């Protein structure tokens, strides 16, 4: 009989890189970094009295842009850290309660399991058989009840520190792109060039998302461009109310 090597199968067929494991944080942090930083640029541009020149005060944009970039990046990463820790604490508490019920009220949990399985389109016979098998393994039974009774996703395998780090790095990396024209002083129309750089940053983020998730790029690109464009437009419009 051929021996099946599960670890080898997972390594070859389902290998997850750091990018794929933290895709949510990369996309979330990157998109927010782009939009947040460009909002500063768009706000200054909207507040300019002379809109024909396209010029925006470089020093002001860089000071506010960079300060906002690192402050918001740190705040977002800290929020991700605390949010994940809270999710893990809630999950652990519910898991402990569910495991206690399995150990001290096995009959009640047994009948609950049968009912859950029947709702999953198992027959009465198959549901009873599976529930009896689950009773032999209380730890797996607990995991089953957490997922199928309480419908809670297990966050215990996630690292809050790494989640925070990836969020911060993505936020700062992508958030710097709208500021590049002001850092390099690429002509007089810095705002116009910043719009192009922002669109390219959103395009890059959409392509990265599609490449990592192995999905068609069109949806990711359109979503990121739409969200970024709407947010930037709002910032620009708000800036016009403070035009000087």
C-alpha atoms as a PDB file:
ATOM      1  CA  UNK A   1       0.000   0.000   0.000  1.00  0.00           C
ATOM      2  CA  UNK A   2       1.302   3.428  -0.954  1.00  0.00           C
ATOM      3  CA  UNK A   3       1.913   5.609   2.075  1.00  0.00           C
ATOM      4  CA  UNK A   4       0.432   9.086   1.738  1.00  0.00           C
ATOM      5  CA  UNK A   5       2.644  11.901   3.027  1.00  0.00           C
ATOM      6  CA  UNK A   6       0.345  14.724   4.092  1.00  0.00           C
ATOM      7  CA  UNK A   7       3.148  17.177   4.864  1.00  0.00           C
ATOM      8  CA  UNK A   8       4.684  16.662   1.425  1.00  0.00           C
ATOM      9  CA  UNK A   9       1.298  17.104  -0.241  1.00  0.00           C
ATOM     10  CA  UNK A  10       0.654  20.351   1.610  1.00  0.00           C
ATOM     11  CA  UNK A  11       4.132  21.638   0.770  1.00  0.00           C
ATOM     12  CA  UNK A  12       3.795  20.925  -2.950  1.00  0.00           C
ATOM     13  CA  UNK A  13       0.129  21.600  -3.628  1.00  0.00           C
ATOM     14  CA  UNK A  14      -0.960  24.088  -0.985  1.00  0.00           C
ATOM     15  CA  UNK A  15       2.163  25.994  -0.045  1.00  0.00           C
ATOM     16  CA  UNK A  16       1.365  29.416   1.396  1.00  0.00           C
ATOM     17  CA  UNK A  17       3.868  32.217   1.184  1.00  0.00           C
ATOM     18  CA  UNK A  18       4.036  35.094   3.647  1.00  0.00           C
ATOM     19  CA  UNK A  19       2.372  37.297   1.018  1.00  0.00           C
ATOM     20  CA  UNK A  20      -0.567  34.933   0.548  1.00  0.00           C
ATOM     21  CA  UNK A  21      -0.909  34.357   4.284  1.00  0.00           C
ATOM     22  CA  UNK A  22      -1.130  38.087   4.970  1.00  0.00           C
ATOM     23  CA  UNK A  23      -2.858  39.182   1.750  1.00  0.00           C
ATOM     24  CA  UNK A  24      -5.723  40.700   3.739  1.00  0.00           C
ATOM     25  CA  UNK A  25      -3.355  42.941   5.694  1.00  0.00           C
ATOM     26  CA  UNK A  26      -1.356  43.884   2.578  1.00  0.00           C
ATOM     27  CA  UNK A  27      -4.450  44.901   0.604  1.00  0.00           C
ATOM     28  CA  UNK A  28      -6.129  46.546   3.578  1.00  0.00           C
ATOM     29  CA  UNK A  29      -3.045  48.490   4.645  1.00  0.00           C
ATOM     30  CA  UNK A  30      -1.937  49.325   1.105  1.00  0.00           C
ATOM     31  CA  UNK A  31      -5.305  50.617  -0.052  1.00  0.00           C
ATOM     32  CA  UNK A  32      -5.791  52.704   3.065  1.00  0.00           C
ATOM     33  CA  UNK A  33      -2.239  54.051   2.816  1.00  0.00           C
ATOM     34  CA  UNK A  34      -2.766  55.184  -0.784  1.00  0.00           C
ATOM     35  CA  UNK A  35      -6.149  56.757  -0.126  1.00  0.00           C
ATOM     36  CA  UNK A  36      -5.183  58.371   3.174  1.00  0.00           C
ATOM     37  CA  UNK A  37      -2.011  59.966   1.818  1.00  0.00           C
ATOM     38  CA  UNK A  38      -3.575  61.088  -1.424  1.00  0.00           C
ATOM     39  CA  UNK A  39      -6.419  62.599   0.594  1.00  0.00           C
ATOM     40  CA  UNK A  40      -3.858  65.028   2.048  1.00  0.00           C
ATOM     41  CA  UNK A  41      -2.611  65.919  -1.438  1.00  0.00           C
ATOM     42  CA  UNK A  42      -6.148  66.228  -2.825  1.00  0.00           C
ATOM     43  CA  UNK A  43      -7.227  68.300   0.147  1.00  0.00           C
ATOM     44  CA  UNK A  44      -4.396  70.789  -0.394  1.00  0.00           C
ATOM     45  CA  UNK A  45      -5.081  70.868  -4.133  1.00  0.00           C
ATOM     46  CA  UNK A  46      -8.778  71.498  -3.584  1.00  0.00           C
ATOM     47  CA  UNK A  47      -7.989  74.314  -1.174  1.00  0.00           C
ATOM     48  CA  UNK A  48      -5.837  76.215  -3.695  1.00  0.00           C
ATOM     49  CA  UNK A  49      -7.329  79.400  -5.046  1.00  0.00           C
ATOM     50  CA  UNK A  50      -5.572  79.113  -8.413  1.00  0.00           C
ATOM     51  CA  UNK A  51      -6.598  75.747  -9.825  1.00  0.00           C
ATOM     52  CA  UNK A  52      -5.199  76.416 -13.279  1.00  0.00           C
ATOM     53  CA  UNK A  53      -1.562  76.087 -12.304  1.00  0.00           C
ATOM     54  CA  UNK A  54      -1.995  72.717 -10.652  1.00  0.00           C
ATOM     55  CA  UNK A  55       0.718  73.668  -8.164  1.00  0.00           C
ATOM     56  CA  UNK A  56       0.388  72.545  -4.562  1.00  0.00           C
ATOM     57  CA  UNK A  57       2.578  73.757  -1.647  1.00  0.00           C
ATOM     58  CA  UNK A  58       5.302  71.122  -1.603  1.00  0.00           C
ATOM     59  CA  UNK A  59       6.606  71.624   1.940  1.00  0.00           C
ATOM     60  CA  UNK A  60       3.111  71.572   3.424  1.00  0.00           C
ATOM     61  CA  UNK A  61       2.133  68.455   1.498  1.00  0.00           C
ATOM     62  CA  UNK A  62       5.290  66.603   2.508  1.00  0.00           C
ATOM     63  CA  UNK A  63       5.046  67.601   6.159  1.00  0.00           C
ATOM     64  CA  UNK A  64       1.381  66.739   6.521  1.00  0.00           C
ATOM     65  CA  UNK A  65       1.606  63.789   4.148  1.00  0.00           C
ATOM     66  CA  UNK A  66       4.533  62.061   5.861  1.00  0.00           C
ATOM     67  CA  UNK A  67       3.282  62.839   9.354  1.00  0.00           C
ATOM     68  CA  UNK A  68      -0.129  61.499   8.437  1.00  0.00           C
ATOM     69  CA  UNK A  69       1.406  58.480   6.702  1.00  0.00           C
ATOM     70  CA  UNK A  70       3.425  57.236   9.667  1.00  0.00           C
ATOM     71  CA  UNK A  71       0.905  58.227  12.334  1.00  0.00           C
ATOM     72  CA  UNK A  72      -2.007  56.568  10.564  1.00  0.00           C
ATOM     73  CA  UNK A  73       0.152  53.571   9.607  1.00  0.00           C
ATOM     74  CA  UNK A  74       1.123  53.008  13.227  1.00  0.00           C
ATOM     75  CA  UNK A  75      -2.464  53.562  14.379  1.00  0.00           C
ATOM     76  CA  UNK A  76      -3.818  51.092  11.827  1.00  0.00           C
ATOM     77  CA  UNK A  77      -1.225  48.436  12.652  1.00  0.00           C
ATOM     78  CA  UNK A  78      -1.922  48.839  16.373  1.00  0.00           C
ATOM     79  CA  UNK A  79      -5.645  48.568  15.657  1.00  0.00           C
ATOM     80  CA  UNK A  80      -5.071  45.364  13.673  1.00  0.00           C
ATOM     81  CA  UNK A  81      -3.016  43.953  16.552  1.00  0.00           C
ATOM     82  CA  UNK A  82      -5.628  44.744  19.194  1.00  0.00           C
ATOM     83  CA  UNK A  83      -8.507  43.608  16.991  1.00  0.00           C
ATOM     84  CA  UNK A  84      -6.927  40.213  16.353  1.00  0.00           C
ATOM     85  CA  UNK A  85      -6.055  39.775  20.022  1.00  0.00           C
ATOM     86  CA  UNK A  86      -9.673  40.537  20.916  1.00  0.00           C
ATOM     87  CA  UNK A  87     -10.919  38.003  18.339  1.00  0.00           C
ATOM     88  CA  UNK A  88      -8.568  35.377  19.757  1.00  0.00           C
ATOM     89  CA  UNK A  89      -9.678  36.063  23.337  1.00  0.00           C
ATOM     90  CA  UNK A  90     -13.352  35.783  22.376  1.00  0.00           C
ATOM     91  CA  UNK A  91     -12.706  32.577  20.430  1.00  0.00           C
ATOM     92  CA  UNK A  92     -10.745  31.010  23.290  1.00  0.00           C
ATOM     93  CA  UNK A  93     -13.510  31.870  25.750  1.00  0.00           C
ATOM     94  CA  UNK A  94     -16.234  30.343  23.582  1.00  0.00           C
ATOM     95  CA  UNK A  95     -14.065  27.324  22.838  1.00  0.00           C
ATOM     96  CA  UNK A  96     -13.456  26.697  26.528  1.00  0.00           C
ATOM     97  CA  UNK A  97     -17.193  26.899  27.221  1.00  0.00           C
ATOM     98  CA  UNK A  98     -18.021  24.572  24.317  1.00  0.00           C
ATOM     99  CA  UNK A  99     -15.391  22.042  25.421  1.00  0.00           C
ATOM    100  CA  UNK A 100     -16.799  22.126  28.959  1.00  0.00           C
ATOM    101  CA  UNK A 101     -20.284  21.370  27.611  1.00  0.00           C
ATOM    102  CA  UNK A 102     -18.945  18.448  25.583  1.00  0.00           C
ATOM    103  CA  UNK A 103     -17.241  16.955  28.635  1.00  0.00           C
ATOM    104  CA  UNK A 104     -20.090  17.527  31.090  1.00  0.00           C
ATOM    105  CA  UNK A 105     -23.203  17.391  28.887  1.00  0.00           C
ATOM    106  CA  UNK A 106     -22.217  14.971  26.126  1.00  0.00           C
ATOM    107  CA  UNK A 107     -25.763  13.726  25.445  1.00  0.00           C
ATOM    108  CA  UNK A 108     -27.104  17.202  24.804  1.00  0.00           C
ATOM    109  CA  UNK A 109     -24.152  18.042  22.535  1.00  0.00           C
ATOM    110  CA  UNK A 110     -24.559  14.688  20.785  1.00  0.00           C
ATOM    111  CA  UNK A 111     -28.140  15.460  19.791  1.00  0.00           C
ATOM    112  CA  UNK A 112     -27.141  18.999  18.773  1.00  0.00           C
ATOM    113  CA  UNK A 113     -24.481  17.522  16.507  1.00  0.00           C
ATOM    114  CA  UNK A 114     -26.987  15.186  14.855  1.00  0.00           C
ATOM    115  CA  UNK A 115     -29.320  18.115  14.184  1.00  0.00           C
ATOM    116  CA  UNK A 116     -26.477  20.214  12.718  1.00  0.00           C
ATOM    117  CA  UNK A 117     -25.436  17.382  10.415  1.00  0.00           C
ATOM    118  CA  UNK A 118     -29.007  16.820   9.267  1.00  0.00           C
ATOM    119  CA  UNK A 119     -29.168  20.503   8.321  1.00  0.00           C
ATOM    120  CA  UNK A 120     -26.040  19.872   6.245  1.00  0.00           C
ATOM    121  CA  UNK A 121     -28.125  17.403   4.191  1.00  0.00           C
ATOM    122  CA  UNK A 122     -26.927  14.234   5.940  1.00  0.00           C
ATOM    123  CA  UNK A 123     -29.490  11.505   6.483  1.00  0.00           C
ATOM    124  CA  UNK A 124     -30.569  10.578  10.014  1.00  0.00           C
ATOM    125  CA  UNK A 125     -28.469   7.419   9.844  1.00  0.00           C
ATOM    126  CA  UNK A 126     -25.314   9.142   8.576  1.00  0.00           C
ATOM    127  CA  UNK A 127     -25.726  12.038  11.003  1.00  0.00           C
ATOM    128  CA  UNK A 128     -26.038   9.626  13.917  1.00  0.00           C
ATOM    129  CA  UNK A 129     -22.978   7.677  12.765  1.00  0.00           C
ATOM    130  CA  UNK A 130     -20.849  10.808  12.360  1.00  0.00           C
ATOM    131  CA  UNK A 131     -21.971  12.226  15.697  1.00  0.00           C
ATOM    132  CA  UNK A 132     -20.992   8.955  17.389  1.00  0.00           C
ATOM    133  CA  UNK A 133     -17.549   9.175  15.775  1.00  0.00           C
ATOM    134  CA  UNK A 134     -17.110  12.784  16.932  1.00  0.00           C
ATOM    135  CA  UNK A 135     -17.859  11.707  20.511  1.00  0.00           C
ATOM    136  CA  UNK A 136     -14.697   9.596  20.464  1.00  0.00           C
ATOM    137  CA  UNK A 137     -12.545  12.686  19.916  1.00  0.00           C
ATOM    138  CA  UNK A 138     -13.623  15.563  22.232  1.00  0.00           C
ATOM    139  CA  UNK A 139     -10.980  17.966  20.863  1.00  0.00           C
ATOM    140  CA  UNK A 140     -12.070  17.546  17.256  1.00  0.00           C
ATOM    141  CA  UNK A 141     -15.697  17.573  18.364  1.00  0.00           C
ATOM    142  CA  UNK A 142     -15.080  20.958  19.981  1.00  0.00           C
ATOM    143  CA  UNK A 143     -13.583  22.318  16.748  1.00  0.00           C
ATOM    144  CA  UNK A 144     -16.579  21.017  14.814  1.00  0.00           C
ATOM    145  CA  UNK A 145     -19.049  22.698  17.162  1.00  0.00           C
ATOM    146  CA  UNK A 146     -17.128  25.985  17.064  1.00  0.00           C
ATOM    147  CA  UNK A 147     -17.302  26.034  13.285  1.00  0.00           C
ATOM    148  CA  UNK A 148     -20.689  24.509  12.551  1.00  0.00           C
ATOM    149  CA  UNK A 149     -22.742  25.422  15.615  1.00  0.00           C
ATOM    150  CA  UNK A 150     -21.299  28.823  16.579  1.00  0.00           C
ATOM    151  CA  UNK A 151     -20.045  29.589  13.038  1.00  0.00           C
ATOM    152  CA  UNK A 152     -16.821  31.138  14.359  1.00  0.00           C
ATOM    153  CA  UNK A 153     -13.616  31.268  12.336  1.00  0.00           C
ATOM    154  CA  UNK A 154     -10.550  30.058  14.221  1.00  0.00           C
ATOM    155  CA  UNK A 155      -8.023  32.929  14.601  1.00  0.00           C
ATOM    156  CA  UNK A 156      -5.689  31.052  16.961  1.00  0.00           C
ATOM    157  CA  UNK A 157      -3.118  30.330  14.243  1.00  0.00           C
ATOM    158  CA  UNK A 158      -2.663  34.004  13.359  1.00  0.00           C
ATOM    159  CA  UNK A 159       0.211  36.040  14.799  1.00  0.00           C
ATOM    160  CA  UNK A 160      -0.968  39.510  15.955  1.00  0.00           C
ATOM    161  CA  UNK A 161       2.561  40.958  15.769  1.00  0.00           C
ATOM    162  CA  UNK A 162       3.111  39.817  12.186  1.00  0.00           C
ATOM    163  CA  UNK A 163      -0.349  41.040  11.203  1.00  0.00           C
ATOM    164  CA  UNK A 164       0.515  44.473  12.617  1.00  0.00           C
ATOM    165  CA  UNK A 165       3.923  44.539  10.893  1.00  0.00           C
ATOM    166  CA  UNK A 166       2.566  43.596   7.462  1.00  0.00           C
ATOM    167  CA  UNK A 167      -0.224  46.163   7.809  1.00  0.00           C
ATOM    168  CA  UNK A 168       2.244  48.916   8.711  1.00  0.00           C
ATOM    169  CA  UNK A 169       4.763  48.067   5.961  1.00  0.00           C
ATOM    170  CA  UNK A 170       2.063  47.875   3.300  1.00  0.00           C
ATOM    171  CA  UNK A 171       0.477  51.119   4.496  1.00  0.00           C
ATOM    172  CA  UNK A 172       3.759  53.054   4.395  1.00  0.00           C
ATOM    173  CA  UNK A 173       5.064  51.501   1.153  1.00  0.00           C
ATOM    174  CA  UNK A 174       1.962  52.131  -0.935  1.00  0.00           C
ATOM    175  CA  UNK A 175       1.136  55.353   0.897  1.00  0.00           C
ATOM    176  CA  UNK A 176       4.474  56.895  -0.120  1.00  0.00           C
ATOM    177  CA  UNK A 177       3.709  56.578  -3.839  1.00  0.00           C
ATOM    178  CA  UNK A 178       1.340  59.590  -4.116  1.00  0.00           C
ATOM    179  CA  UNK A 179       4.069  61.730  -2.475  1.00  0.00           C
ATOM    180  CA  UNK A 180       6.824  60.773  -4.952  1.00  0.00           C
ATOM    181  CA  UNK A 181       6.151  63.733  -7.331  1.00  0.00           C
ATOM    182  CA  UNK A 182       6.516  66.138  -4.403  1.00  0.00           C
ATOM    183  CA  UNK A 183       9.655  64.445  -3.115  1.00  0.00           C
ATOM    184  CA  UNK A 184      11.296  64.562  -6.558  1.00  0.00           C
ATOM    185  CA  UNK A 185       9.655  67.863  -7.626  1.00  0.00           C
ATOM    186  CA  UNK A 186       8.601  66.459 -11.000  1.00  0.00           C
ATOM    187  CA  UNK A 187       7.674  69.706 -12.755  1.00  0.00           C
ATOM    188  CA  UNK A 188       5.162  72.349 -11.714  1.00  0.00           C
ATOM    189  CA  UNK A 189       2.008  70.247 -11.961  1.00  0.00           C
ATOM    190  CA  UNK A 190       2.786  68.070  -8.952  1.00  0.00           C
ATOM    191  CA  UNK A 191      -0.859  67.359  -8.228  1.00  0.00           C
ATOM    192  CA  UNK A 192      -1.576  66.113 -11.748  1.00  0.00           C
ATOM    193  CA  UNK A 193       1.424  63.801 -11.589  1.00  0.00           C
ATOM    194  CA  UNK A 194       0.394  62.669  -8.101  1.00  0.00           C
ATOM    195  CA  UNK A 195      -2.983  61.636  -9.511  1.00  0.00           C
ATOM    196  CA  UNK A 196      -1.182  59.456 -12.057  1.00  0.00           C
ATOM    197  CA  UNK A 197       1.105  57.963  -9.395  1.00  0.00           C
ATOM    198  CA  UNK A 198      -1.896  57.251  -7.174  1.00  0.00           C
ATOM    199  CA  UNK A 199      -3.675  55.453 -10.001  1.00  0.00           C
ATOM    200  CA  UNK A 200      -0.518  53.440 -10.676  1.00  0.00           C
ATOM    201  CA  UNK A 201      -0.251  52.555  -6.979  1.00  0.00           C
ATOM    202  CA  UNK A 202      -3.858  51.323  -6.948  1.00  0.00           C
ATOM    203  CA  UNK A 203      -3.176  49.418 -10.169  1.00  0.00           C
ATOM    204  CA  UNK A 204      -0.094  47.795  -8.622  1.00  0.00           C
ATOM    205  CA  UNK A 205      -2.030  46.840  -5.509  1.00  0.00           C
ATOM    206  CA  UNK A 206      -4.817  45.326  -7.597  1.00  0.00           C
ATOM    207  CA  UNK A 207      -2.320  43.318  -9.651  1.00  0.00           C
ATOM    208  CA  UNK A 208      -0.550  42.129  -6.485  1.00  0.00           C
ATOM    209  CA  UNK A 209      -3.845  41.059  -4.995  1.00  0.00           C
ATOM    210  CA  UNK A 210      -4.781  39.138  -8.143  1.00  0.00           C
ATOM    211  CA  UNK A 211      -1.348  37.492  -8.429  1.00  0.00           C
ATOM    212  CA  UNK A 212      -1.295  36.305  -4.818  1.00  0.00           C
ATOM    213  CA  UNK A 213      -4.893  35.104  -4.774  1.00  0.00           C
ATOM    214  CA  UNK A 214      -4.537  33.634  -8.296  1.00  0.00           C
ATOM    215  CA  UNK A 215      -7.677  35.383  -9.463  1.00  0.00           C
ATOM    216  CA  UNK A 216      -8.362  37.351 -12.620  1.00  0.00           C
ATOM    217  CA  UNK A 217      -6.831  40.826 -12.176  1.00  0.00           C
ATOM    218  CA  UNK A 218      -9.714  42.861 -13.623  1.00  0.00           C
ATOM    219  CA  UNK A 219     -11.940  42.632 -10.555  1.00  0.00           C
ATOM    220  CA  UNK A 220      -9.179  43.525  -8.094  1.00  0.00           C
ATOM    221  CA  UNK A 221      -7.991  46.454 -10.214  1.00  0.00           C
ATOM    222  CA  UNK A 222     -11.491  47.861 -10.714  1.00  0.00           C
ATOM    223  CA  UNK A 223     -12.342  47.561  -7.020  1.00  0.00           C
ATOM    224  CA  UNK A 224      -9.171  49.285  -5.827  1.00  0.00           C
ATOM    225  CA  UNK A 225      -9.431  52.030  -8.452  1.00  0.00           C
ATOM    226  CA  UNK A 226     -13.095  52.643  -7.646  1.00  0.00           C
ATOM    227  CA  UNK A 227     -12.593  52.818  -3.874  1.00  0.00           C
ATOM    228  CA  UNK A 228      -9.485  54.984  -4.209  1.00  0.00           C
ATOM    229  CA  UNK A 229     -11.049  57.276  -6.796  1.00  0.00           C
ATOM    230  CA  UNK A 230     -14.189  57.897  -4.748  1.00  0.00           C
ATOM    231  CA  UNK A 231     -12.199  58.583  -1.566  1.00  0.00           C
ATOM    232  CA  UNK A 232      -9.796  60.947  -3.339  1.00  0.00           C
ATOM    233  CA  UNK A 233     -12.682  62.802  -4.980  1.00  0.00           C
ATOM    234  CA  UNK A 234     -14.352  63.300  -1.606  1.00  0.00           C
ATOM    235  CA  UNK A 235     -11.105  64.694  -0.153  1.00  0.00           C
ATOM    236  CA  UNK A 236     -10.696  67.082  -3.073  1.00  0.00           C
ATOM    237  CA  UNK A 237     -14.301  68.306  -2.827  1.00  0.00           C
ATOM    238  CA  UNK A 238     -13.981  68.864   0.917  1.00  0.00           C
ATOM    239  CA  UNK A 239     -10.780  70.839   0.255  1.00  0.00           C
ATOM    240  CA  UNK A 240     -12.638  73.227  -2.056  1.00  0.00           C
ATOM    241  CA  UNK A 241     -14.728  74.395   0.869  1.00  0.00           C
ATOM    242  CA  UNK A 242     -11.557  75.739   2.479  1.00  0.00           C
ATOM    243  CA  UNK A 243     -10.159  77.366  -0.633  1.00  0.00           C
ATOM    244  CA  UNK A 244      -7.811  80.292   0.061  1.00  0.00           C
END
